[in-house]
Amino acid sequence: MKERLAGIYETSRFTEYFAGVNQLDREGFREWFFEAGMRFGAIEKWWGDLGRRKSPHEGLDLCLYKDGRNEVRRVEPGAGVPAMFSGRVAGIIPDFLGESIILEHETPDCPAGKFCTFYAHVQRCPGIEPGKKVDQGDVVARIAGVRRSGSGIFPHLHVSAAWVVRGMLYEDLTWTTMGRRPDVKLVDPLPLFHV
């Protein structure tokens, strides 16, 4: 994947943008912190009964980070969500905590598909609609609250990355089927913004 994303991979500053937009850098944002079950491909839950997921985790759940004193802190609901890369809003689908925004990114060397990033459990910012162009670092959404869930889950941002077959209808995507679809190749998003 790194070779196929060489141009994009080196320009990602997602963590820097996230920390800056949400003023986490005032406390000396150090790194993301992951409980078991929060990483890509995990088969266990990190909330509720801590049991097994129905399918491997499709991305990363970002809700905890270490500050400059190495203390674990939580990202709050309402935190701004920056675009990982420049692109366009390809779709917006509902999820159990809010909405999921799908951004499609230019990959001219890959005629068979498109590279997309997904930002779930959010509320989109005003003006964020399908077709809207965004620049890397633009705030596209805010992390949604969890009042409706009743599962004991913290507010968090779920981030996925995937190669998607050209011509696929994004409104046909659901979180229950995304990992099983032959026209979607999920990839670990952490290397794209790890600092």
Protein backbone atom coordinates (compact mmCIF):
# COMPACT_ATOMS: atom_id res chain seq x y z
CA MET A 1 0.00 0.00 0.00
CA LYS A 2 2.79 2.44 0.85
CA GLU A 3 4.12 2.23 -2.71
CA ARG A 4 0.67 2.78 -4.23
CA LEU A 5 0.13 5.81 -1.95
CA ALA A 6 3.65 7.23 -2.12
CA GLY A 7 2.50 10.74 -3.03
CA ILE A 8 -0.25 10.81 -0.42
CA TYR A 9 1.53 8.84 2.29
CA GLU A 10 4.32 11.34 2.83
CA THR A 11 2.01 14.37 3.03
CA SER A 12 -0.42 13.11 5.70
CA ARG A 13 -0.42 15.30 8.79
CA PHE A 14 -3.70 14.08 10.28
CA THR A 15 -2.49 13.81 13.90
CA GLU A 16 -0.85 17.24 13.74
CA TYR A 17 -4.03 18.79 12.31
CA PHE A 18 -6.27 16.98 14.82
CA ALA A 19 -4.15 18.11 17.79
CA GLY A 20 -4.01 21.69 16.50
CA VAL A 21 -7.70 22.04 15.61
CA ASN A 22 -8.68 20.73 19.04
CA GLN A 23 -5.90 22.53 20.95
CA LEU A 24 -4.54 19.23 22.25
CA ASP A 25 -1.05 20.47 21.44
CA ARG A 26 -1.33 22.93 24.38
CA GLU A 27 -0.97 19.91 26.68
CA GLY A 28 1.79 18.47 24.53
CA PHE A 29 -0.05 15.83 22.47
CA ARG A 30 2.31 12.90 22.48
CA GLU A 31 0.61 9.96 20.72
CA TRP A 32 -2.62 8.09 20.22
CA PHE A 33 -3.34 5.48 22.89
CA PHE A 34 -5.18 2.28 21.97
CA GLU A 35 -6.98 -0.17 24.25
CA ALA A 36 -7.35 -3.74 23.03
CA GLY A 37 -10.00 -3.76 20.33
CA MET A 38 -9.44 -0.22 19.02
CA ARG A 39 -6.99 -1.09 16.24
CA PHE A 40 -7.57 -2.21 12.66
CA GLY A 41 -8.41 -5.91 12.38
CA ALA A 42 -9.17 -6.37 16.12
CA ILE A 43 -11.68 -9.09 16.90
CA GLU A 44 -12.52 -7.97 20.42
CA LYS A 45 -14.68 -5.05 21.59
CA TRP A 46 -13.34 -2.29 23.83
CA TRP A 47 -16.78 -1.30 25.16
CA GLY A 48 -19.84 -2.92 26.73
CA ASP A 49 -19.37 -6.62 27.46
CA LEU A 50 -15.82 -6.62 25.97
CA GLY A 51 -16.82 -9.68 23.95
CA ARG A 52 -16.03 -10.49 20.33
CA ARG A 53 -16.95 -8.37 17.35
CA LYS A 54 -19.12 -9.87 14.60
CA SER A 55 -16.30 -9.19 12.12
CA PRO A 56 -12.76 -7.77 12.35
CA HIS A 57 -12.55 -4.03 13.05
CA GLU A 58 -12.62 -2.01 9.81
CA GLY A 59 -10.39 0.80 11.06
CA LEU A 60 -9.14 2.63 14.14
CA ASP A 61 -11.12 4.06 17.04
CA LEU A 62 -9.55 7.32 18.19
CA CYS A 63 -10.69 8.46 21.61
CA LEU A 64 -7.63 8.25 23.85
CA TYR A 65 -4.25 9.93 23.64
CA LYS A 66 -1.21 10.60 25.82
CA ASP A 67 -0.36 14.19 26.69
CA GLY A 68 3.03 15.75 27.42
CA ARG A 69 3.02 14.32 30.97
CA ASN A 70 2.33 10.85 29.53
CA GLU A 71 -1.19 10.85 31.03
CA VAL A 72 -3.98 9.16 29.08
CA ARG A 73 -6.75 11.61 28.16
CA ARG A 74 -10.04 11.36 26.27
CA VAL A 75 -11.05 13.18 23.12
CA GLU A 76 -14.31 15.01 23.84
CA PRO A 77 -17.52 15.01 21.79
CA GLY A 78 -17.58 18.01 19.50
CA ALA A 79 -13.87 17.67 18.67
CA GLY A 80 -13.14 18.77 15.11
CA VAL A 81 -12.26 16.11 12.53
CA PRO A 82 -9.79 17.23 9.84
CA ALA A 83 -9.57 15.65 6.40
CA MET A 84 -6.57 13.35 6.20
CA PHE A 85 -5.93 14.25 2.55
CA SER A 86 -7.37 16.63 -0.02
CA GLY A 87 -10.27 15.19 -1.96
CA ARG A 88 -14.01 15.39 -2.34
CA VAL A 89 -16.95 14.23 -0.26
CA ALA A 90 -18.07 11.06 -2.03
CA GLY A 91 -20.87 10.05 0.34
CA ILE A 92 -22.46 10.39 3.75
CA ILE A 93 -24.05 7.34 5.35
CA PRO A 94 -25.82 6.98 8.71
CA ASP A 95 -24.22 5.04 11.54
CA PHE A 96 -25.31 4.11 15.05
CA LEU A 97 -23.80 7.23 16.69
CA GLY A 98 -24.22 9.80 13.93
CA GLU A 99 -22.97 9.85 10.36
CA SER A 100 -20.03 8.55 8.38
CA ILE A 101 -18.35 10.82 5.84
CA ILE A 102 -16.55 9.23 2.91
CA LEU A 103 -13.79 11.25 1.24
CA GLU A 104 -12.41 10.17 -2.13
CA HIS A 105 -8.79 11.07 -2.93
CA GLU A 106 -7.05 11.50 -6.25
CA THR A 107 -4.90 8.52 -7.22
CA PRO A 108 -4.26 9.00 -10.95
CA ASP A 109 -1.90 5.99 -11.14
CA CYS A 110 -4.69 3.57 -10.15
CA PRO A 111 -7.32 3.38 -12.92
CA ALA A 112 -9.11 0.36 -11.39
CA GLY A 113 -10.14 2.05 -8.16
CA LYS A 114 -10.11 5.02 -5.84
CA PHE A 115 -8.57 5.55 -2.45
CA CYS A 116 -11.06 6.66 0.24
CA THR A 117 -10.98 7.62 3.88
CA PHE A 118 -14.01 7.20 6.16
CA TYR A 119 -14.75 9.26 9.28
CA ALA A 120 -17.50 7.66 11.38
CA HIS A 121 -19.55 8.57 14.47
CA VAL A 122 -19.54 12.23 13.54
CA GLN A 123 -21.84 15.11 12.73
CA ARG A 124 -20.87 16.84 9.52
CA CYS A 125 -19.99 20.51 9.49
CA PRO A 126 -22.25 22.96 7.64
CA GLY A 127 -21.62 22.85 3.90
CA ILE A 128 -20.22 19.31 3.90
CA GLU A 129 -22.30 17.56 1.24
CA PRO A 130 -21.54 14.99 -1.48
CA GLY A 131 -19.43 16.60 -4.21
CA LYS A 132 -17.83 19.22 -1.92
CA LYS A 133 -14.06 19.55 -2.40
CA VAL A 134 -11.95 19.70 0.76
CA ASP A 135 -8.30 20.37 1.43
CA GLN A 136 -6.07 18.36 3.72
CA GLY A 137 -6.66 19.61 7.27
CA ASP A 138 -10.10 21.14 6.60
CA VAL A 139 -12.50 20.35 9.44
CA VAL A 140 -15.26 18.25 7.87
CA ALA A 141 -17.10 17.07 11.00
CA ARG A 142 -17.32 16.99 14.78
CA ILE A 143 -17.24 13.85 16.93
CA ALA A 144 -20.79 12.91 17.89
CA GLY A 145 -21.95 12.24 21.44
CA VAL A 146 -23.08 8.82 22.63
CA ARG A 147 -26.35 9.59 24.44
CA ARG A 148 -28.35 7.25 22.22
CA SER A 149 -26.06 4.23 22.29
CA GLY A 150 -26.58 2.83 25.81
CA SER A 151 -23.52 0.59 25.29
CA GLY A 152 -21.05 2.31 27.59
CA ILE A 153 -18.95 3.36 24.61
CA PHE A 154 -16.93 6.62 24.78
CA PRO A 155 -17.36 9.31 22.13
CA HIS A 156 -14.78 8.50 19.50
CA LEU A 157 -13.77 8.95 15.89
CA HIS A 158 -13.65 5.80 13.81
CA VAL A 159 -11.27 6.16 10.83
CA SER A 160 -11.13 3.67 7.97
CA ALA A 161 -9.14 3.67 4.74
CA ALA A 162 -9.87 1.59 1.66
CA TRP A 163 -9.34 1.04 -2.02
CA VAL A 164 -12.77 1.11 -3.64
CA VAL A 165 -13.64 -0.19 -7.11
CA ARG A 166 -14.32 2.70 -9.48
CA GLY A 167 -18.05 3.20 -10.06
CA MET A 168 -19.22 1.71 -6.75
CA LEU A 169 -22.24 3.48 -5.22
CA TYR A 170 -21.28 4.72 -1.77
CA GLU A 171 -24.88 4.81 -0.60
CA ASP A 172 -24.83 1.00 -0.91
CA LEU A 173 -22.13 0.76 1.78
CA THR A 174 -23.05 -0.22 5.32
CA TRP A 175 -20.78 -0.85 8.28
CA THR A 176 -22.11 -4.39 8.57
CA THR A 177 -21.07 -5.32 5.04
CA MET A 178 -18.06 -3.09 4.37
CA GLY A 179 -15.43 -5.63 5.43
CA ARG A 180 -17.01 -8.40 3.36
CA ARG A 181 -17.51 -6.57 0.06
CA PRO A 182 -15.25 -7.65 -2.84
CA ASP A 183 -15.31 -4.07 -4.22
CA VAL A 184 -13.80 -2.62 -1.00
CA LYS A 185 -10.22 -3.42 0.09
CA LEU A 186 -9.75 -2.13 3.65
CA VAL A 187 -6.26 -1.09 4.74
CA ASP A 188 -4.83 -0.15 8.13
CA PRO A 189 -5.10 3.66 8.39
CA LEU A 190 -2.58 4.05 11.23
CA PRO A 191 0.54 4.28 9.01
CA LEU A 192 -1.14 7.13 7.13
CA PHE A 193 -1.08 9.46 10.13
CA HIS A 194 1.13 7.87 12.75
CA VAL A 195 3.55 10.29 14.42
